Amino acid sequence: STPPKPPADHRELATAQGLFTTSTYSPGSPLLLPNGADMFIKLTSFLRSLYPQFGFREVITPTIYKQSLWERSGHWVNYAEDMFAVRGRGATGSTAGEAGEDEEFGLKPMNCPGHCLLFASEKRSYRDLPVRFADFSPLHRNEISGALSGLTRVRRFHQDDGHIFCRPAQIEAEIKRTMEFIQLVYSDVFDLGPYRLVLSTRPTDNFIGTIAEWDAAEAQLTRALDSTGREWTLNAGDGAFYGPKIDVILRDSDGKEHQTATIQLDFQLPQRFGLSYTAPAPELEAHGAVGPDTDPELLATSGSVTPVIIHRAVLGSLERFLALLIEHYNGRYPLWLSPRPMIFLTVGQSEAELAALQRVVEQVPGNAPFADVGRRGEALLHVETDTSARGLGKKVHEAKAAGYNIIGVVGPRDAVKGTVSLEVGG
């Protein structure tokens, strides 16, 4: 009998398809080759196309910040072992922690402190909220070397990071909307099969804020999970140091589970960074209790209120999600995501065939000559060609083995008629 086919391994497929490589000079930091970079860019472009629908605006933030920022956020105390310290020019460490030049820096493991700085850069009214920032900046986390693996456990990675600064009364609606975003991506677009929802609660040690604040946040997330109608499980004590979270758990081809999407509720960082917005009846506003029946006299007085932050990532680590997609599709990707969507082959090498091939390629979106400025806005569909003198059968066989989605053939008759023969790759 035929032995069972082993499950797909993204590392083996990536080697065969030229997606990424690694180097001992930067352990845990994959180097994406052109095909891998192509898929990475398409994933980020896909998410960017959905951001207007879900109200996000993209921002760009620094990679390193002073130690004093990380102390303010709580990362230096609660997350220091997983951070990379960086010493700038002239820094001796003698006044580490002060907001001067003679201070250590840290490579950012997450974007939330930077987004707090952005929110604080302007005066905000309750009418401005929610404010939704999205960020694809690279992140660095000092994973132990024994845990590093392919694209799934790395030290340098990118996350489709997002932070929603909202009023307390907006929390549940924003979480529900984020759950809809996740459902759209995981089920409607990628058809990734069942995923688990997990509520992670307050850690026993290394957390900031009061237990009462944690209890209130956990109750909010519990209600949001219940409203989805999906089953969920509890992972007691595994929340982030600043707040509880909802995690989406996917299985890879080996059955190993990976956390991908996450939704985290945070009352702590806004307080630590002194974030505020102006609203009527501030005491009621802070508890989400302002409504149509609120006393007009109370509404006549405005004051400062601290917003709530919802941390959210839909794909999570893009590198990890890419690994799961590679295995999910077993190296045969949808046309829009494929790094090898199309190749055109010639039967011979006559001038007529080569000229006809060039005309065909220029008709593919994104492949028009640069002078054709009217078509510059088209989405790029990468096209490759094979005009070698080898037999057509061998070229077609190699194109199928390489995973091209569409294989086009231009022969002598096609050159005369202005046609091309198309075949869907295996």
Protein backbone atom coordinates (compact mmCIF):
# COMPACT_ATOMS: atom_id res chain seq x y z
CA SER A 1 0.00 0.00 0.00
CA THR A 2 1.05 3.61 -0.56
CA PRO A 3 2.50 5.15 2.62
CA PRO A 4 0.55 8.16 3.95
CA LYS A 5 1.72 11.54 2.71
CA PRO A 6 3.55 13.43 5.46
CA PRO A 7 2.04 16.75 6.53
CA ALA A 8 3.31 19.87 4.79
CA ASP A 9 6.27 21.62 6.42
CA HIS A 10 6.55 25.32 5.63
CA ARG A 11 10.35 25.17 5.96
CA GLU A 12 10.71 22.50 3.27
CA LEU A 13 8.19 24.19 0.98
CA ALA A 14 9.89 27.54 1.49
CA THR A 15 13.23 26.05 0.44
CA ALA A 16 11.72 24.45 -2.67
CA GLN A 17 9.91 27.65 -3.65
CA GLY A 18 12.63 30.14 -2.74
CA LEU A 19 10.60 31.99 -0.07
CA PHE A 20 13.11 32.70 2.70
CA THR A 21 16.48 31.80 4.10
CA THR A 22 18.20 32.20 7.47
CA SER A 23 21.66 33.22 8.61
CA THR A 24 23.77 32.51 11.67
CA TYR A 25 24.62 36.21 11.64
CA SER A 26 21.05 37.05 12.69
CA PRO A 27 19.40 34.05 14.39
CA GLY A 28 15.63 34.17 14.40
CA SER A 29 15.45 36.86 11.74
CA PRO A 30 14.32 35.31 8.43
CA LEU A 31 15.61 36.86 5.23
CA LEU A 32 12.73 36.93 2.75
CA LEU A 33 13.72 36.12 -0.82
CA PRO A 34 11.83 37.78 -3.70
CA ASN A 35 9.09 35.12 -3.76
CA GLY A 36 8.60 35.30 0.01
CA ALA A 37 8.67 39.09 -0.01
CA ASP A 38 6.05 39.02 -2.77
CA MET A 39 3.67 37.03 -0.56
CA PHE A 40 4.44 39.20 2.47
CA ILE A 41 3.66 42.39 0.53
CA LYS A 42 0.41 40.89 -0.78
CA LEU A 43 -0.68 40.01 2.76
CA THR A 44 -0.05 43.56 3.99
CA SER A 45 -1.75 45.02 0.90
CA PHE A 46 -4.78 42.80 1.53
CA LEU A 47 -5.10 44.09 5.08
CA ARG A 48 -4.58 47.70 3.97
CA SER A 49 -7.46 47.28 1.52
CA LEU A 50 -9.75 46.44 4.46
CA TYR A 51 -8.61 49.20 6.82
CA PRO A 52 -10.98 51.88 5.47
CA GLN A 53 -13.91 49.50 5.98
CA PHE A 54 -12.96 49.06 9.64
CA GLY A 55 -11.91 52.68 10.27
CA PHE A 56 -8.13 52.26 10.66
CA ARG A 57 -5.47 54.77 9.59
CA GLU A 58 -1.91 53.54 9.15
CA VAL A 59 0.98 55.16 11.01
CA ILE A 60 4.77 54.73 11.00
CA THR A 61 6.70 54.75 14.28
CA PRO A 62 10.33 54.40 15.48
CA THR A 63 12.07 51.06 16.03
CA ILE A 64 13.96 52.14 19.17
CA TYR A 65 12.93 54.25 22.17
CA LYS A 66 14.72 55.37 25.31
CA GLN A 67 14.65 53.20 28.38
CA SER A 68 12.62 55.90 30.16
CA LEU A 69 9.71 55.28 27.76
CA TRP A 70 9.77 51.54 28.47
CA GLU A 71 9.89 52.25 32.20
CA ARG A 72 6.86 54.48 31.85
CA SER A 73 4.94 51.80 29.94
CA GLY A 74 5.97 49.06 32.38
CA HIS A 75 7.83 46.99 29.79
CA TRP A 76 11.28 47.52 31.33
CA VAL A 77 10.15 45.89 34.58
CA ASN A 78 7.68 43.31 33.26
CA TYR A 79 9.10 42.46 29.82
CA ALA A 80 12.84 43.25 30.01
CA GLU A 81 14.01 39.65 29.55
CA ASP A 82 12.29 39.53 26.16
CA MET A 83 13.68 42.89 24.95
CA PHE A 84 16.92 43.84 23.19
CA ALA A 85 18.80 46.72 24.82
CA VAL A 86 20.61 49.17 22.51
CA ARG A 87 23.29 51.64 23.59
CA GLY A 88 23.53 54.82 21.56
CA ARG A 89 26.57 56.99 20.85
CA GLY A 90 27.99 58.48 24.00
CA ALA A 91 25.72 56.47 26.28
CA THR A 92 27.65 55.16 29.28
CA GLY A 93 24.65 53.92 31.22
CA SER A 94 25.64 56.09 34.19
CA THR A 95 22.28 57.89 34.13
CA ALA A 96 20.20 55.09 32.67
CA GLY A 97 16.48 55.66 33.02
CA GLU A 98 16.60 59.44 32.82
CA ALA A 99 15.17 61.29 29.86
CA GLY A 100 18.60 62.58 28.78
CA GLU A 101 21.01 61.49 26.09
CA ASP A 102 23.12 59.33 28.41
CA GLU A 103 20.58 56.52 28.45
CA GLU A 104 20.02 53.04 27.16
CA PHE A 105 17.53 52.38 24.38
CA GLY A 106 15.33 49.37 23.73
CA LEU A 107 14.26 47.80 20.44
CA LYS A 108 10.50 47.82 20.52
CA PRO A 109 8.77 44.46 21.14
CA MET A 110 5.36 46.04 20.50
CA ASN A 111 3.88 49.29 19.19
CA CYS A 112 1.54 50.37 21.97
CA PRO A 113 3.81 52.96 23.70
CA GLY A 114 4.52 54.67 20.37
CA HIS A 115 0.83 54.81 19.57
CA CYS A 116 0.19 56.35 22.99
CA LEU A 117 2.65 59.11 22.03
CA LEU A 118 0.70 59.66 18.81
CA PHE A 119 -2.63 59.90 20.63
CA ALA A 120 -1.12 62.35 23.13
CA SER A 121 0.24 64.59 20.36
CA GLU A 122 -3.18 66.24 19.85
CA LYS A 123 -6.01 67.46 22.02
CA ARG A 124 -8.92 65.04 21.74
CA SER A 125 -12.68 65.41 22.19
CA TYR A 126 -15.17 62.62 22.80
CA ARG A 127 -16.41 63.37 19.27
CA ASP A 128 -13.01 62.25 17.90
CA LEU A 129 -13.20 58.78 19.42
CA PRO A 130 -12.66 56.03 18.56
CA VAL A 131 -9.19 56.72 17.11
CA ARG A 132 -7.81 53.64 15.35
CA PHE A 133 -4.10 53.36 14.48
CA ALA A 134 -2.55 50.52 12.43
CA ASP A 135 1.18 49.80 12.15
CA PHE A 136 3.32 47.23 10.29
CA SER A 137 6.64 48.28 11.86
CA PRO A 138 9.17 45.48 12.56
CA LEU A 139 9.24 44.24 16.16
CA HIS A 140 12.00 42.45 18.08
CA ARG A 141 11.58 39.96 20.93
CA ASN A 142 14.50 38.09 22.45
CA GLU A 143 13.19 34.54 22.15
CA ILE A 144 15.50 31.85 23.57
CA SER A 145 17.53 30.22 20.79
CA GLY A 146 16.11 26.74 21.40
CA ALA A 147 12.59 27.98 20.63
CA LEU A 148 13.42 29.48 17.22
CA SER A 149 11.83 27.67 14.28
CA GLY A 150 11.38 28.74 10.65
CA LEU A 151 8.81 31.51 10.42
CA THR A 152 6.74 30.41 13.41
CA ARG A 153 9.11 31.38 16.25
CA VAL A 154 11.39 34.29 15.40
CA ARG A 155 13.10 37.26 17.00
CA ARG A 156 12.36 39.85 14.35
CA PHE A 157 8.86 39.92 12.92
CA HIS A 158 6.08 42.15 11.67
CA GLN A 159 2.62 42.33 13.17
CA ASP A 160 -0.55 43.85 11.75
CA ASP A 161 -0.65 45.83 14.95
CA GLY A 162 -3.59 48.07 15.72
CA HIS A 163 -4.70 50.15 18.68
CA ILE A 164 -8.17 51.52 19.22
CA PHE A 165 -8.45 54.46 21.62
CA CYS A 166 -12.09 54.57 22.62
CA ARG A 167 -14.61 55.76 25.17
CA PRO A 168 -15.65 53.23 27.86
CA ALA A 169 -19.13 53.08 26.31
CA GLN A 170 -17.60 52.04 22.96
CA ILE A 171 -15.61 49.03 24.20
CA GLU A 172 -18.04 46.22 23.45
CA ALA A 173 -18.99 47.56 20.00
CA GLU A 174 -15.30 47.89 19.05
CA ILE A 175 -14.48 44.37 20.24
CA LYS A 176 -17.47 42.98 18.35
CA ARG A 177 -16.36 44.79 15.20
CA THR A 178 -12.83 43.39 15.60
CA MET A 179 -14.25 39.88 15.94
CA GLU A 180 -16.10 40.46 12.65
CA PHE A 181 -12.79 41.52 11.05
CA ILE A 182 -11.19 38.27 12.22
CA GLN A 183 -14.12 36.16 10.99
CA LEU A 184 -13.94 37.83 7.57
CA VAL A 185 -10.23 37.09 7.17
CA TYR A 186 -10.02 33.60 8.67
CA SER A 187 -13.23 32.06 7.36
CA ASP A 188 -14.47 34.07 4.38
CA VAL A 189 -11.11 34.80 2.70
CA PHE A 190 -8.62 32.09 3.70
CA ASP A 191 -11.05 29.33 4.75
CA LEU A 192 -8.62 28.23 7.44
CA GLY A 193 -11.07 25.90 9.11
CA PRO A 194 -12.07 25.96 12.78
CA TYR A 195 -10.11 28.13 15.16
CA ARG A 196 -10.24 28.30 18.94
CA LEU A 197 -11.12 31.38 20.98
CA VAL A 198 -9.34 31.67 24.32
CA LEU A 199 -9.76 34.20 27.13
CA SER A 200 -6.48 34.79 28.99
CA THR A 201 -6.85 36.44 32.40
CA ARG A 202 -4.71 38.27 34.98
CA PRO A 203 -1.23 36.80 35.60
CA THR A 204 -0.43 35.79 39.16
CA ASP A 205 2.69 37.98 39.13
CA ASN A 206 4.02 40.78 36.93
CA PHE A 207 0.87 42.76 36.22
CA ILE A 208 0.03 46.44 36.54
CA GLY A 209 -3.20 48.00 37.76
CA THR A 210 -5.67 46.99 40.46
CA ILE A 211 -7.49 43.68 40.69
CA ALA A 212 -10.80 45.57 40.43
CA GLU A 213 -9.71 47.05 37.09
CA TRP A 214 -8.69 43.60 35.86
CA ASP A 215 -12.02 42.11 36.96
CA ALA A 216 -13.91 44.80 35.05
CA ALA A 217 -11.83 44.26 31.90
CA GLU A 218 -12.21 40.48 32.05
CA ALA A 219 -15.99 40.88 32.41
CA GLN A 220 -16.07 43.05 29.26
CA LEU A 221 -14.17 40.45 27.22
CA THR A 222 -16.35 37.65 28.59
CA ARG A 223 -19.48 39.43 27.38
CA ALA A 224 -17.88 40.01 23.98
CA LEU A 225 -17.00 36.33 23.64
CA ASP A 226 -20.49 35.24 24.70
CA SER A 227 -22.02 37.54 22.08
CA THR A 228 -20.16 35.72 19.26
CA GLY A 229 -22.17 32.53 19.80
CA ARG A 230 -18.93 30.54 19.46
CA GLU A 231 -17.44 28.23 22.06
CA TRP A 232 -14.45 29.58 23.96
CA THR A 233 -12.12 28.40 26.69
CA LEU A 234 -10.38 30.01 29.66
CA ASN A 235 -6.60 30.24 30.00
CA ALA A 236 -6.26 31.54 33.54
CA GLY A 237 -3.21 33.65 34.32
CA ASP A 238 -1.94 34.03 30.73
CA GLY A 239 -2.99 37.63 30.06
CA ALA A 240 -0.55 40.38 29.09
CA PHE A 241 0.94 42.29 32.03
CA TYR A 242 -1.29 45.28 31.21
CA GLY A 243 -4.62 43.55 30.55
CA PRO A 244 -6.64 40.43 29.68
CA LYS A 245 -6.91 39.24 26.10
CA ILE A 246 -8.84 37.13 23.60
CA ASP A 247 -6.57 34.96 21.47
CA VAL A 248 -7.31 33.08 18.25
CA ILE A 249 -5.56 29.69 18.11
CA LEU A 250 -4.85 27.90 14.82
CA ARG A 251 -3.35 24.46 14.23
CA ASP A 252 -0.53 23.85 11.74
CA SER A 253 -0.20 20.75 9.55
CA ASP A 254 1.51 18.85 12.41
CA GLY A 255 -1.36 19.60 14.77
CA LYS A 256 0.69 22.10 16.77
CA GLU A 257 -1.28 25.12 17.93
CA HIS A 258 -0.20 28.72 17.29
CA GLN A 259 -1.65 31.95 18.64
CA THR A 260 -2.37 34.34 15.77
CA ALA A 261 -5.03 37.03 16.21
CA THR A 262 -5.40 38.78 19.53
CA ILE A 263 -7.69 41.35 21.17
CA GLN A 264 -6.44 42.90 24.43
CA LEU A 265 -8.27 45.32 26.69
CA ASP A 266 -6.07 47.85 28.46
CA PHE A 267 -7.01 50.37 31.15
CA GLN A 268 -3.39 50.73 32.34
CA LEU A 269 -1.28 52.28 29.56
CA PRO A 270 -3.67 55.23 29.06
CA GLN A 271 -3.21 56.08 32.76
CA ARG A 272 0.57 55.64 32.64
CA PHE A 273 0.86 57.97 29.65
CA GLY A 274 -1.63 60.50 31.01
CA LEU A 275 -3.90 60.16 27.96
CA SER A 276 -7.17 62.05 28.01
CA TYR A 277 -10.04 63.42 26.00
CA THR A 278 -12.62 66.05 26.86
CA ALA A 279 -16.26 65.04 27.38
CA PRO A 280 -19.45 66.28 29.09
CA ALA A 281 -20.31 64.76 32.47
CA PRO A 282 -16.78 63.33 32.88
CA GLU A 283 -17.55 61.21 35.96
CA LEU A 284 -20.39 59.42 34.16
CA GLU A 285 -18.39 59.28 30.91
CA ALA A 286 -15.55 57.43 32.67
CA HIS A 287 -17.97 54.62 33.52
CA GLY A 288 -19.72 54.56 30.14
CA ALA A 289 -22.87 55.84 31.79
CA VAL A 290 -23.72 58.89 29.65
CA GLY A 291 -26.96 58.37 27.76
CA PRO A 292 -30.07 60.08 26.35
CA ASP A 293 -31.53 60.45 29.84
CA THR A 294 -28.46 62.05 31.44
CA ASP A 295 -29.26 65.21 33.40
CA PRO A 296 -28.62 68.28 31.16
CA GLU A 297 -27.02 70.06 34.11
CA LEU A 298 -24.38 67.34 34.34
CA LEU A 299 -23.83 67.51 30.57
CA ALA A 300 -23.23 71.24 30.84
CA THR A 301 -19.92 70.59 32.59
CA SER A 302 -17.04 69.08 30.58
CA GLY A 303 -13.78 67.63 31.83
CA SER A 304 -10.95 65.22 31.09
CA VAL A 305 -11.57 61.48 30.80
CA THR A 306 -9.04 58.68 30.31
CA PRO A 307 -9.64 56.59 27.17
CA VAL A 308 -9.42 52.81 26.97
CA ILE A 309 -7.02 51.05 24.60
CA ILE A 310 -7.98 47.94 22.67
CA HIS A 311 -4.86 46.25 21.29
CA ARG A 312 -5.69 44.15 18.26
CA ALA A 313 -3.90 42.08 15.63
CA VAL A 314 -5.90 40.18 13.02
CA LEU A 315 -3.13 38.04 11.53
CA GLY A 316 -0.76 38.45 14.45
CA SER A 317 2.83 37.81 13.40
CA LEU A 318 2.79 38.06 9.59
CA GLU A 319 5.72 35.65 9.43
CA ARG A 320 3.88 33.05 11.52
CA PHE A 321 0.67 33.52 9.58
CA LEU A 322 2.58 33.13 6.32
CA ALA A 323 4.01 29.83 7.59
CA LEU A 324 0.50 28.58 8.38
CA LEU A 325 -0.73 29.64 4.92
CA ILE A 326 2.18 27.88 3.20
CA GLU A 327 1.19 24.65 4.96
CA HIS A 328 -2.55 25.22 4.58
CA TYR A 329 -2.25 25.56 0.80
CA ASN A 330 0.61 23.02 0.62
CA GLY A 331 2.54 25.36 -1.63
CA ARG A 332 -0.35 25.85 -4.12
CA TYR A 333 -1.64 29.34 -3.49
CA PRO A 334 -4.62 31.35 -4.71
CA LEU A 335 -3.75 33.47 -7.73
CA TRP A 336 -3.86 36.77 -5.80
CA LEU A 337 -1.39 35.51 -3.16
CA SER A 338 0.87 33.38 -5.33
CA PRO A 339 4.52 34.45 -5.80
CA ARG A 340 4.41 32.69 -9.19
CA PRO A 341 1.02 33.57 -10.62
CA MET A 342 1.83 33.36 -14.33
CA ILE A 343 4.49 32.21 -16.79
CA PHE A 344 4.53 32.39 -20.59
CA LEU A 345 6.47 29.87 -22.65
CA THR A 346 7.44 29.92 -26.31
CA VAL A 347 7.41 26.83 -28.50
CA GLY A 348 10.43 28.05 -30.47
CA GLN A 349 12.71 31.04 -30.58
CA SER A 350 11.64 32.79 -33.75
CA GLU A 351 11.51 36.57 -33.80
CA ALA A 352 7.77 36.42 -34.47
CA GLU A 353 7.14 34.27 -31.36
CA LEU A 354 9.36 36.45 -29.14
CA ALA A 355 7.61 39.61 -30.34
CA ALA A 356 4.18 38.02 -29.82
CA LEU A 357 5.22 36.93 -26.32
CA GLN A 358 6.21 40.48 -25.42
CA ARG A 359 2.85 41.82 -26.63
CA VAL A 360 1.01 39.25 -24.51
CA VAL A 361 3.03 40.09 -21.40
CA GLU A 362 2.28 43.80 -21.82
CA GLN A 363 -1.45 43.06 -21.73
CA VAL A 364 -1.20 41.55 -18.24
CA PRO A 365 -2.16 44.10 -15.52
CA GLY A 366 0.87 45.95 -14.19
CA ASN A 367 3.18 44.91 -17.02
CA ALA A 368 2.56 47.74 -19.48
CA PRO A 369 5.58 49.75 -20.67
CA PHE A 370 6.51 52.61 -18.38
CA ALA A 371 5.59 55.11 -21.07
CA ASP A 372 1.98 53.89 -20.92
CA VAL A 373 1.23 56.13 -17.93
CA GLY A 374 -2.51 55.62 -18.27
CA ARG A 375 -2.11 52.08 -16.94
CA ARG A 376 0.26 52.77 -14.04
CA GLY A 377 -2.50 52.37 -11.48
CA GLU A 378 -3.15 48.74 -12.34
CA ALA A 379 -2.45 46.06 -9.74
CA LEU A 380 0.79 44.26 -10.50
CA LEU A 381 0.53 40.63 -11.56
CA HIS A 382 4.09 39.33 -11.75
CA VAL A 383 4.83 37.51 -15.01
CA GLU A 384 7.80 35.34 -15.89
CA THR A 385 8.82 33.95 -19.27
CA ASP A 386 10.76 30.97 -20.60
CA THR A 387 12.07 31.39 -24.14
CA SER A 388 14.80 28.77 -23.86
CA ALA A 389 15.47 26.29 -26.65
CA ARG A 390 14.33 23.29 -24.58
CA GLY A 391 11.34 21.18 -25.54
CA LEU A 392 7.89 22.59 -24.74
CA GLY A 393 6.90 19.49 -22.76
CA LYS A 394 9.85 19.88 -20.42
CA LYS A 395 9.15 23.58 -19.91
CA VAL A 396 5.47 22.94 -19.13
CA HIS A 397 6.39 20.14 -16.69
CA GLU A 398 8.84 22.40 -14.84
CA ALA A 399 6.33 25.25 -14.71
CA LYS A 400 3.72 22.98 -13.12
CA ALA A 401 6.22 21.59 -10.63
CA ALA A 402 7.23 25.14 -9.67
CA GLY A 403 3.62 25.96 -8.80
CA TYR A 404 2.72 28.56 -11.41
CA ASN A 405 -1.04 29.20 -11.35
CA ILE A 406 -1.38 30.01 -15.04
CA ILE A 407 0.85 28.74 -17.83
CA GLY A 408 0.61 30.43 -21.22
CA VAL A 409 2.11 29.09 -24.46
CA VAL A 410 2.91 31.16 -27.55
CA GLY A 411 3.69 29.21 -30.72
CA PRO A 412 4.05 30.02 -34.44
CA ARG A 413 0.27 29.99 -35.02
CA ASP A 414 -0.33 32.20 -31.98
CA ALA A 415 2.21 34.68 -33.33
CA VAL A 416 0.21 34.95 -36.56
CA LYS A 417 -3.27 35.03 -34.95
CA GLY A 418 -2.34 37.16 -31.95
CA THR A 419 -3.53 34.47 -29.51
CA VAL A 420 -2.09 32.56 -26.54
CA SER A 421 -2.93 29.10 -25.18
CA LEU A 422 -3.58 29.10 -21.43
CA GLU A 423 -3.46 26.25 -18.96
CA VAL A 424 -4.13 26.23 -15.23
CA GLY A 425 -1.14 24.87 -13.34
CA GLY A 426 -1.41 21.77 -11.17
